[in-house]
Amino acid sequence: MTSQHRYRVTTNWTGNLGTGTSDYRMYSRDHEIGGPTKSARILGSSDPHFRGDEARYNPEETLVASLSACHMLWLLHLCADAGITVTDYLDEAEGSMAEDADGSGQFTQVILRPQMTILEGDRQNEAHALHDKAHAMCFIARSVNFPVLHEARVHVASQMNA
């Protein structure tokens, strides 16, 4: 039996500078992403290359963030199930997008670079292998049409303090 899940968000354009979209250069790309049960809003814009505000998240960054977070959440789940104690996790993910001459484009790949620290020194190889399983389980990575790679590093807490 399969389950269906729905995800609802509200995207509200806040970039009307007084004349709407009367001209390509006369409006802001600013927007807010939220939902009725969310306590905070994500402040969004477009990539600065496309006249956006670099201080706000753009859709391309949130796609990379979604892939990174999904991988992390699956990895933490799998480690907990396997009895591997993760004490720290950081991913410096990077996405690559190719822009076509007509202005359209597509992602060509995302590379996840998770670094995690575990307590059990004798299980470092097993923890590293769980990244492959997390990748195979990640809903978002399974839904995109470009490669999502991972270059995981697993550290042992006792070796970090030595």
Foldseek 3Di string as FASTA:
>chain_A
DDDDDDDDKDKAQPWQPPPRPPDLPRTFQWIWIGDPPDPDIAIEGDDVVSVYDPVGHYPVVVLQVLLQVQLVVQLVVVCVVVVWAWDDKDWDKDWAKDADPVRDIDTAEIEIEMEIETADPVCQVVSVVVSVVSCVPRPSNVVDDHYYHYDYHYHYPVVVVD
